[in-house]
Amino acid sequence: MNEIKNHLYQDIPSAEIYQQINQILKTSSEPHVFSRYQLKQAIMQLGPSGYPFEKFIAALLQGLGYSVETGVIVSGKCINHEIDVVALKDNQHFMVECKFHNRSGTRSDVKVALYVKARFDDVASVFRQAWLITNTKLTSDAIQYGECAGMKMIGWSYPNKGSLQDLITDTHLHPITYLSSLSQSQKQQFLDNGIVLCKFLHQKNSEFFRSLNISADKEKEIRQEIYCIARQTTNRLTRKKR
């Protein structure tokens, strides 16, 4: 706050404030503190297709105690449907549709909600409820329609409790794109190899890293960052319990 106050002026754009904050965080003495504030951007890097995002959502739901399958073909009353994620808990099946955007400022509007509800109506005999999960915000019309239609809506900041941010916080599962020690091409390499979570990457042996032309020094740097993320998560949990 003290640093930013020195650079404020009347009607300063929020984007400029954000840029200044990022520059300050990059020079922090605490390892990888900058990454913590890049989570939304990290999620957007799970593209350009939406498939890695679907795998990420499946992993989050699994971390919350659901049994999950991705890309499941379900026979509806009228046609067959490929469901992004099928989640099972307490003998109830949930149809989870994932809407991924890789451009900042994009919102999931009511047309997306209408589309999900129409698909759900055709397979309603199989599922308990339809869920729409998006990595961006939802428009007010989309929220109003979804609530009225009995859908579960999860966006970047919606609902107040149980948003996408909350799911990540509750499960302590971070996307591979969260790692600042990786270049964009390296992140894409891991995504292409089905690695969407830092946790999964940590479980890989050195032979896997060498197969992707990642040096031993870079592997060490990556593992150190994953360790720091895990330690920071543990510290936050300890403070929360206190």
Protein backbone atom coordinates (compact mmCIF):
# COMPACT_ATOMS: atom_id res chain seq x y z
CA MET A 1 0.00 0.00 0.00
CA ASN A 2 2.78 2.42 0.89
CA GLU A 3 4.51 1.77 -2.43
CA ILE A 4 1.34 2.21 -4.49
CA LYS A 5 0.23 5.39 -2.71
CA ASN A 6 3.32 7.18 -3.97
CA HIS A 7 2.25 6.60 -7.58
CA LEU A 8 -1.50 7.26 -7.43
CA TYR A 9 -3.13 10.11 -9.32
CA GLN A 10 -6.71 11.20 -9.99
CA ASP A 11 -8.68 8.71 -12.16
CA ILE A 12 -5.75 6.29 -12.46
CA PRO A 13 -6.89 3.18 -14.41
CA SER A 14 -7.20 0.04 -12.28
CA ALA A 15 -5.12 -1.80 -14.88
CA GLU A 16 -2.19 0.52 -14.16
CA ILE A 17 -2.51 -0.08 -10.41
CA TYR A 18 -2.56 -3.82 -11.07
CA GLN A 19 0.57 -3.54 -13.19
CA GLN A 20 2.37 -1.63 -10.43
CA ILE A 21 1.36 -4.25 -7.86
CA ASN A 22 2.71 -7.00 -10.10
CA GLN A 23 6.06 -5.24 -10.41
CA ILE A 24 6.32 -4.92 -6.63
CA LEU A 25 5.40 -8.58 -6.07
CA LYS A 26 8.01 -9.72 -8.58
CA THR A 27 10.72 -8.17 -6.40
CA SER A 28 9.43 -9.73 -3.18
CA SER A 29 11.95 -11.56 -1.01
CA GLU A 30 9.43 -14.34 -0.41
CA PRO A 31 9.81 -17.10 -3.05
CA HIS A 32 7.12 -17.27 -5.74
CA VAL A 33 4.81 -14.79 -3.97
CA PHE A 34 4.00 -13.29 -7.39
CA SER A 35 2.39 -16.55 -8.55
CA ARG A 36 -0.26 -16.42 -5.83
CA TYR A 37 -1.85 -13.38 -7.44
CA GLN A 38 -1.79 -14.83 -10.96
CA LEU A 39 -4.30 -17.63 -10.41
CA LYS A 40 -6.99 -16.25 -12.72
CA GLN A 41 -4.44 -15.77 -15.52
CA ALA A 42 -3.08 -19.26 -14.86
CA ILE A 43 -6.55 -20.75 -15.38
CA MET A 44 -6.88 -18.86 -18.67
CA GLN A 45 -3.64 -20.44 -19.84
CA LEU A 46 -5.30 -23.87 -19.73
CA GLY A 47 -6.22 -23.32 -23.37
CA PRO A 48 -6.51 -22.76 -26.20
CA SER A 49 -8.96 -25.67 -26.22
CA GLY A 50 -11.23 -26.25 -23.25
CA TYR A 51 -10.16 -29.85 -22.69
CA PRO A 52 -7.41 -29.14 -20.09
CA PHE A 53 -9.92 -26.98 -18.21
CA GLU A 54 -12.37 -29.89 -18.14
CA LYS A 55 -9.65 -32.15 -16.73
CA PHE A 56 -8.80 -29.49 -14.15
CA ILE A 57 -12.44 -29.17 -13.04
CA ALA A 58 -12.69 -32.97 -12.81
CA ALA A 59 -9.59 -32.98 -10.57
CA LEU A 60 -11.10 -30.29 -8.32
CA LEU A 61 -14.35 -32.23 -7.95
CA GLN A 62 -12.40 -35.38 -7.22
CA GLY A 63 -10.57 -33.45 -4.51
CA LEU A 64 -13.98 -32.58 -3.05
CA GLY A 65 -14.92 -36.24 -2.80
CA TYR A 66 -16.73 -36.85 -6.09
CA SER A 67 -16.08 -39.75 -8.43
CA VAL A 68 -15.56 -38.26 -11.89
CA GLU A 69 -15.40 -39.17 -15.57
CA THR A 70 -14.71 -36.82 -18.48
CA GLY A 71 -16.03 -36.89 -22.04
CA VAL A 72 -18.81 -39.37 -21.30
CA ILE A 73 -21.36 -40.15 -24.03
CA VAL A 74 -24.87 -40.26 -22.57
CA SER A 75 -28.00 -41.30 -24.44
CA GLY A 76 -30.75 -38.74 -24.09
CA LYS A 77 -34.41 -38.90 -24.95
CA CYS A 78 -33.73 -37.37 -28.36
CA ILE A 79 -29.99 -37.60 -29.10
CA ASN A 80 -26.65 -38.65 -27.63
CA HIS A 81 -24.66 -36.08 -25.68
CA GLU A 82 -20.97 -35.88 -24.78
CA ILE A 83 -20.89 -34.61 -21.20
CA ASP A 84 -17.77 -32.69 -20.14
CA VAL A 85 -17.68 -34.14 -16.61
CA VAL A 86 -19.94 -36.67 -14.92
CA ALA A 87 -19.67 -36.34 -11.13
CA LEU A 88 -20.99 -38.98 -8.72
CA LYS A 89 -21.54 -38.56 -4.99
CA ASP A 90 -23.98 -40.19 -2.56
CA ASN A 91 -25.41 -42.28 -5.41
CA GLN A 92 -26.39 -39.17 -7.33
CA HIS A 93 -25.04 -38.22 -10.77
CA PHE A 94 -24.43 -34.62 -11.78
CA MET A 95 -24.00 -33.30 -15.31
CA VAL A 96 -21.13 -30.80 -15.30
CA GLU A 97 -20.64 -28.56 -18.33
CA CYS A 98 -17.44 -26.51 -18.44
CA LYS A 99 -17.29 -23.20 -20.29
CA PHE A 100 -13.72 -22.04 -20.86
CA HIS A 101 -12.64 -18.57 -21.98
CA ASN A 102 -9.04 -17.52 -22.59
CA ARG A 103 -9.65 -13.78 -22.94
CA SER A 104 -9.87 -11.47 -19.95
CA GLY A 105 -13.17 -9.61 -19.61
CA THR A 106 -15.24 -12.29 -21.36
CA ARG A 107 -18.35 -13.43 -19.50
CA SER A 108 -20.55 -16.49 -19.79
CA ASP A 109 -23.97 -15.17 -20.75
CA VAL A 110 -27.51 -16.48 -20.61
CA LYS A 111 -27.16 -18.27 -23.97
CA VAL A 112 -24.62 -20.60 -22.35
CA ALA A 113 -26.99 -21.30 -19.46
CA LEU A 114 -29.88 -21.94 -21.87
CA TYR A 115 -27.72 -24.36 -23.87
CA VAL A 116 -26.73 -26.34 -20.76
CA LYS A 117 -30.33 -26.50 -19.53
CA ALA A 118 -31.56 -27.73 -22.94
CA ARG A 119 -29.01 -30.55 -22.89
CA PHE A 120 -29.89 -31.42 -19.32
CA ASP A 121 -33.60 -31.67 -20.18
CA ASP A 122 -32.77 -34.37 -22.73
CA VAL A 123 -30.80 -36.46 -20.17
CA ALA A 124 -32.76 -35.53 -17.03
CA SER A 125 -33.59 -39.20 -16.36
CA VAL A 126 -29.87 -39.88 -15.81
CA PHE A 127 -28.75 -36.86 -13.76
CA ARG A 128 -29.82 -35.23 -10.53
CA GLN A 129 -28.81 -31.71 -11.56
CA ALA A 130 -27.03 -29.69 -14.23
CA TRP A 131 -23.93 -27.70 -13.30
CA LEU A 132 -22.32 -24.91 -15.30
CA ILE A 133 -18.73 -24.12 -14.31
CA THR A 134 -16.83 -21.32 -16.03
CA ASN A 135 -13.44 -19.70 -15.46
CA THR A 136 -14.86 -16.20 -15.98
CA LYS A 137 -17.71 -14.22 -14.51
CA LEU A 138 -21.36 -14.94 -15.26
CA THR A 139 -23.73 -12.26 -16.50
CA SER A 140 -26.61 -11.29 -14.23
CA ASP A 141 -29.11 -12.80 -16.72
CA ALA A 142 -27.22 -16.09 -16.74
CA ILE A 143 -27.26 -16.21 -12.93
CA GLN A 144 -30.94 -15.28 -12.76
CA TYR A 145 -31.91 -17.92 -15.31
CA GLY A 146 -29.70 -20.60 -13.78
CA GLU A 147 -31.10 -20.05 -10.29
CA CYS A 148 -34.66 -20.07 -11.62
CA ALA A 149 -34.03 -23.27 -13.63
CA GLY A 150 -32.49 -25.10 -10.66
CA MET A 151 -28.97 -25.27 -12.09
CA LYS A 152 -25.78 -25.01 -10.07
CA MET A 153 -23.75 -22.08 -11.35
CA ILE A 154 -20.07 -21.65 -10.54
CA GLY A 155 -18.01 -18.78 -11.93
CA TRP A 156 -14.82 -17.00 -11.06
CA SER A 157 -16.46 -14.97 -8.30
CA TYR A 158 -19.87 -16.63 -8.05
CA PRO A 159 -21.43 -17.67 -5.74
CA ASN A 160 -20.12 -15.77 -2.73
CA LYS A 161 -19.24 -19.09 -1.13
CA GLY A 162 -18.29 -21.95 -3.43
CA SER A 163 -16.90 -20.00 -6.41
CA LEU A 164 -14.17 -21.42 -8.64
CA GLN A 165 -11.63 -19.57 -6.51
CA ASP A 166 -13.06 -21.26 -3.42
CA LEU A 167 -12.92 -24.71 -5.02
CA ILE A 168 -9.22 -24.26 -5.72
CA THR A 169 -8.61 -22.95 -2.19
CA ASP A 170 -10.60 -25.76 -0.57
CA THR A 171 -8.86 -28.54 -2.51
CA HIS A 172 -5.38 -26.91 -2.53
CA LEU A 173 -5.04 -28.03 -6.16
CA HIS A 174 -3.24 -25.62 -8.48
CA PRO A 175 -3.03 -25.81 -12.28
CA ILE A 176 0.32 -26.51 -13.90
CA THR A 177 0.09 -23.08 -15.52
CA TYR A 178 0.38 -21.56 -12.02
CA LEU A 179 4.15 -22.26 -11.96
CA SER A 180 6.25 -19.17 -12.68
CA SER A 181 9.33 -21.36 -13.19
CA LEU A 182 7.85 -22.72 -16.43
CA SER A 183 7.90 -20.98 -19.80
CA GLN A 184 4.69 -20.88 -21.82
CA SER A 185 5.99 -23.58 -24.16
CA GLN A 186 6.89 -25.82 -21.21
CA LYS A 187 3.44 -25.35 -19.72
CA GLN A 188 1.94 -26.38 -23.04
CA GLN A 189 4.22 -29.41 -23.16
CA PHE A 190 2.89 -30.64 -19.84
CA LEU A 191 -0.73 -29.95 -20.84
CA ASP A 192 -0.18 -31.90 -24.06
CA ASN A 193 1.04 -34.80 -21.91
CA GLY A 194 -2.10 -34.74 -19.76
CA ILE A 195 -0.54 -32.96 -16.77
CA VAL A 196 -2.94 -30.29 -15.48
CA LEU A 197 -2.04 -30.17 -11.76
CA CYS A 198 1.19 -29.21 -10.02
CA LYS A 199 0.53 -32.19 -7.75
CA PHE A 200 0.61 -34.60 -10.70
CA LEU A 201 3.85 -33.12 -12.02
CA HIS A 202 5.53 -33.55 -8.65
CA GLN A 203 4.78 -37.26 -8.84
CA LYS A 204 6.68 -37.66 -12.12
CA ASN A 205 10.23 -39.02 -12.05
CA SER A 206 13.32 -37.44 -13.62
CA GLU A 207 13.06 -39.66 -16.67
CA PHE A 208 9.77 -37.99 -17.55
CA PHE A 209 11.38 -34.53 -17.38
CA ARG A 210 14.29 -35.64 -19.56
CA SER A 211 11.84 -37.03 -22.14
CA LEU A 212 10.56 -33.46 -22.56
CA ASN A 213 14.08 -32.01 -22.83
CA ILE A 214 13.86 -30.38 -19.40
CA SER A 215 17.26 -30.22 -17.73
CA ALA A 216 18.06 -31.45 -14.25
CA ASP A 217 18.55 -27.85 -13.05
CA LYS A 218 15.15 -26.80 -14.41
CA GLU A 219 13.54 -29.88 -12.85
CA LYS A 220 15.03 -28.91 -9.49
CA GLU A 221 13.69 -25.36 -9.86
CA ILE A 222 10.20 -26.66 -10.71
CA ARG A 223 10.15 -29.06 -7.77
CA GLN A 224 11.31 -26.28 -5.44
CA GLU A 225 8.45 -24.03 -6.54
CA ILE A 226 5.90 -26.83 -6.08
CA TYR A 227 7.33 -27.37 -2.59
CA CYS A 228 6.98 -23.64 -1.81
CA ILE A 229 3.37 -23.63 -3.00
CA ALA A 230 2.58 -26.61 -0.75
CA ARG A 231 4.31 -24.94 2.20
CA GLN A 232 2.46 -21.65 1.67
CA THR A 233 -0.83 -23.55 1.51
CA THR A 234 -0.01 -25.32 4.80
CA ASN A 235 0.87 -22.00 6.44
CA ARG A 236 -2.42 -20.42 5.32
CA LEU A 237 -4.35 -23.39 6.68
CA THR A 238 -2.56 -23.09 10.02
CA ARG A 239 -3.34 -19.38 10.28
CA LYS A 240 -6.98 -20.03 9.34
CA LYS A 241 -7.37 -22.62 12.12
CA ARG A 242 -5.94 -20.18 14.65
